[in-house]
Amino acid sequence: MKHHQIEKRVAKYPVAPNIMENSKVFSELANEWSLTAQREIQASDKVVLVCRGSSGAIVSTIFYLELAKSFPEKEIIICHIKKEEEYSHSSKASGLPHVHFPSILYVWVDDFIDSGRTFEKCAKAVREYYKEHSNLDFKFDWAVCISTHTNPTCFADLTENLFCNWIAQEEEKFW
């Protein structure tokens, strides 16, 4: 899994009450990432942004709006993984395409407040969905970290090297 993280720019947490200030940081991140992943985005049939919780939904929506400006011809989908206590509307992995194709680019967008638990729950929900609907395996193509905290024990403050190492360890454990 490839990764992208904005360092030295921190959004304020919680995300929703600070949306005016945070939207600029999230927009910058989306634009930076779209330049980094431009070839992959253009080569894909769809881009699926996978998120969890209300902060993830807000960030992914801003991300979506910026990507839609840069790639107006591209189908971009937000897949919101519900938390255990959420039962509204559809499945636990609402928004996923019914069939998983290799040409779909899967991007996990997270603020790393809840460290590895969010990654594990998102990956598990998507894998279970695809095993049930198409019997295909699944891996994220990208992880995008949005810093929303200044607490040194929080994963949002990972440096680029620590973020790379953490992603590699999580992939090894999970896959």
Protein backbone atom coordinates (compact mmCIF):
# COMPACT_ATOMS: atom_id res chain seq x y z
CA MET A 1 0.00 0.00 0.00
CA LYS A 2 1.31 3.42 -0.92
CA HIS A 3 0.81 6.30 1.47
CA HIS A 4 0.60 10.07 1.60
CA GLN A 5 0.70 12.35 4.61
CA ILE A 6 0.82 16.10 5.10
CA GLU A 7 3.41 16.98 7.69
CA LYS A 8 3.77 20.31 9.48
CA ARG A 9 0.12 21.23 8.73
CA VAL A 10 -2.33 20.13 11.35
CA ALA A 11 -6.09 20.37 11.14
CA LYS A 12 -8.04 21.05 14.32
CA TYR A 13 -9.90 18.28 16.11
CA PRO A 14 -12.78 17.69 16.36
CA VAL A 15 -13.23 18.14 12.63
CA ALA A 16 -16.85 19.36 12.38
CA PRO A 17 -16.71 22.39 14.76
CA ASN A 18 -13.50 23.52 13.05
CA ILE A 19 -14.61 22.94 9.47
CA MET A 20 -13.87 26.47 8.22
CA GLU A 21 -10.19 26.21 9.17
CA ASN A 22 -9.86 22.52 8.38
CA SER A 23 -11.34 22.61 4.90
CA LYS A 24 -8.22 24.39 3.58
CA VAL A 25 -5.90 21.72 5.01
CA PHE A 26 -8.08 18.89 3.65
CA SER A 27 -8.28 20.55 0.22
CA GLU A 28 -4.48 20.95 0.13
CA LEU A 29 -4.05 17.30 1.05
CA ALA A 30 -6.46 16.17 -1.67
CA ASN A 31 -4.65 18.29 -4.26
CA GLU A 32 -1.21 17.09 -3.17
CA TRP A 33 -2.29 13.46 -3.20
CA SER A 34 -3.99 13.76 -6.60
CA LEU A 35 -0.71 15.04 -8.09
CA THR A 36 1.22 12.17 -6.47
CA ALA A 37 -1.27 9.53 -7.63
CA GLN A 38 -2.27 11.17 -10.92
CA ARG A 39 -1.26 8.27 -13.19
CA GLU A 40 -3.05 5.71 -11.02
CA ILE A 41 -6.17 7.84 -10.81
CA GLN A 42 -6.25 8.29 -14.58
CA ALA A 43 -5.65 4.55 -15.18
CA SER A 44 -8.44 3.48 -12.83
CA ASP A 45 -12.11 3.04 -13.74
CA LYS A 46 -13.23 4.29 -10.32
CA VAL A 47 -11.71 5.82 -7.20
CA VAL A 48 -13.20 4.60 -3.91
CA LEU A 49 -12.48 6.73 -0.83
CA VAL A 50 -12.92 4.54 2.26
CA CYS A 51 -13.57 6.30 5.57
CA ARG A 52 -15.07 5.70 9.00
CA GLY A 53 -16.95 7.91 11.46
CA SER A 54 -18.19 11.46 11.14
CA SER A 55 -14.70 12.99 10.80
CA GLY A 56 -13.85 10.52 8.05
CA ALA A 57 -17.09 11.33 6.22
CA ILE A 58 -16.40 15.06 6.37
CA VAL A 59 -12.78 14.74 5.24
CA SER A 60 -13.69 12.30 2.45
CA THR A 61 -16.39 14.65 1.17
CA ILE A 62 -13.91 17.54 0.89
CA PHE A 63 -11.44 15.11 -0.69
CA TYR A 64 -14.14 14.02 -3.16
CA LEU A 65 -14.98 17.61 -4.14
CA GLU A 66 -11.32 18.43 -4.84
CA LEU A 67 -10.74 15.21 -6.83
CA ALA A 68 -13.91 15.84 -8.86
CA LYS A 69 -12.51 19.23 -9.90
CA SER A 70 -9.19 17.69 -11.02
CA PHE A 71 -10.70 14.57 -12.60
CA PRO A 72 -14.23 15.52 -13.75
CA GLU A 73 -14.54 12.43 -15.97
CA LYS A 74 -13.64 10.00 -13.15
CA GLU A 75 -16.24 8.17 -11.10
CA ILE A 76 -15.38 8.80 -7.45
CA ILE A 77 -17.25 7.01 -4.66
CA ILE A 78 -17.19 7.47 -0.90
CA CYS A 79 -17.50 4.24 1.06
CA HIS A 80 -18.41 4.98 4.66
CA ILE A 81 -17.67 2.13 7.07
CA LYS A 82 -20.10 2.34 9.94
CA LYS A 83 -19.08 1.96 13.54
CA GLU A 84 -20.46 -0.95 15.56
CA GLU A 85 -23.27 1.09 17.10
CA GLU A 86 -24.47 2.50 13.73
CA TYR A 87 -27.34 0.69 12.03
CA SER A 88 -28.98 3.33 9.86
CA HIS A 89 -29.57 2.98 6.12
CA SER A 90 -27.71 0.15 4.37
CA SER A 91 -24.82 -2.22 5.02
CA LYS A 92 -21.79 -1.68 7.25
CA ALA A 93 -19.80 -0.83 4.10
CA SER A 94 -22.23 1.44 2.28
CA GLY A 95 -21.14 2.90 -1.03
CA LEU A 96 -18.93 0.07 -2.31
CA PRO A 97 -19.27 -0.99 -5.93
CA HIS A 98 -21.03 -4.38 -6.01
CA VAL A 99 -18.20 -5.99 -7.93
CA HIS A 100 -14.52 -5.52 -7.16
CA PHE A 101 -12.38 -4.96 -10.24
CA PRO A 102 -8.59 -4.58 -10.28
CA SER A 103 -9.08 -1.24 -12.07
CA ILE A 104 -10.71 0.30 -8.99
CA LEU A 105 -8.36 2.47 -6.93
CA TYR A 106 -9.06 2.07 -3.18
CA VAL A 107 -7.92 4.93 -0.96
CA TRP A 108 -8.20 4.79 2.82
CA VAL A 109 -8.58 8.34 4.23
CA ASP A 110 -8.09 8.72 7.98
CA ASP A 111 -7.01 11.15 10.70
CA PHE A 112 -5.22 8.44 12.73
CA ILE A 113 -6.87 9.52 15.98
CA ASP A 114 -7.85 5.90 16.67
CA SER A 115 -4.56 4.45 15.34
CA GLY A 116 -4.74 0.98 13.83
CA ARG A 117 -8.27 0.14 14.91
CA THR A 118 -9.82 2.22 12.13
CA PHE A 119 -7.58 0.62 9.50
CA GLU A 120 -8.38 -2.89 10.70
CA LYS A 121 -12.13 -2.27 10.85
CA CYS A 122 -12.27 -0.59 7.44
CA ALA A 123 -10.18 -3.29 5.78
CA LYS A 124 -12.17 -6.06 7.46
CA ALA A 125 -15.53 -4.57 6.45
CA VAL A 126 -14.49 -4.15 2.81
CA ARG A 127 -12.92 -7.62 2.61
CA GLU A 128 -16.03 -9.24 4.12
CA TYR A 129 -18.28 -7.32 1.72
CA TYR A 130 -16.33 -8.51 -1.32
CA LYS A 131 -16.05 -12.09 -0.13
CA GLU A 132 -19.84 -12.12 0.28
CA HIS A 133 -20.64 -10.38 -3.03
CA SER A 134 -17.89 -11.37 -5.45
CA ASN A 135 -15.59 -13.83 -3.68
CA LEU A 136 -12.55 -11.67 -4.47
CA ASP A 137 -9.80 -10.55 -2.14
CA PHE A 138 -9.13 -6.89 -1.42
CA LYS A 139 -6.27 -4.57 -0.43
CA PHE A 140 -6.07 -0.81 -0.12
CA ASP A 141 -3.96 0.86 -2.83
CA TRP A 142 -3.30 4.04 -0.83
CA ALA A 143 -3.45 5.28 2.75
CA VAL A 144 -3.83 9.03 3.21
CA CYS A 145 -3.13 10.41 6.69
CA ILE A 146 -4.67 13.69 7.74
CA SER A 147 -3.10 15.15 10.86
CA THR A 148 -5.74 16.41 13.28
CA HIS A 149 -3.94 16.28 16.59
CA THR A 150 -0.83 17.60 18.29
CA ASN A 151 -0.64 14.95 21.00
CA PRO A 152 2.79 13.24 20.61
CA THR A 153 1.28 9.84 21.47
CA CYS A 154 -1.26 10.15 18.65
CA PHE A 155 -0.68 8.50 15.27
CA ALA A 156 -1.65 11.77 13.55
CA ASP A 157 1.77 13.13 14.48
CA LEU A 158 3.73 10.38 12.80
CA THR A 159 6.68 11.51 10.74
CA GLU A 160 6.84 10.27 7.15
CA ASN A 161 9.25 7.43 8.09
CA LEU A 162 7.23 6.31 11.09
CA PHE A 163 4.05 6.46 9.01
CA CYS A 164 5.68 4.25 6.34
CA ASN A 165 6.83 1.76 8.97
CA TRP A 166 3.44 1.70 10.68
CA ILE A 167 1.61 1.08 7.37
CA ALA A 168 4.04 -1.74 6.49
CA GLN A 169 3.54 -3.38 9.91
CA GLU A 170 -0.26 -3.09 9.72
CA GLU A 171 -0.32 -4.59 6.22
CA GLU A 172 1.89 -7.45 7.33
CA LYS A 173 -0.34 -8.15 10.36
CA PHE A 174 -3.60 -7.80 8.48
CA TRP A 175 -2.97 -9.36 5.08
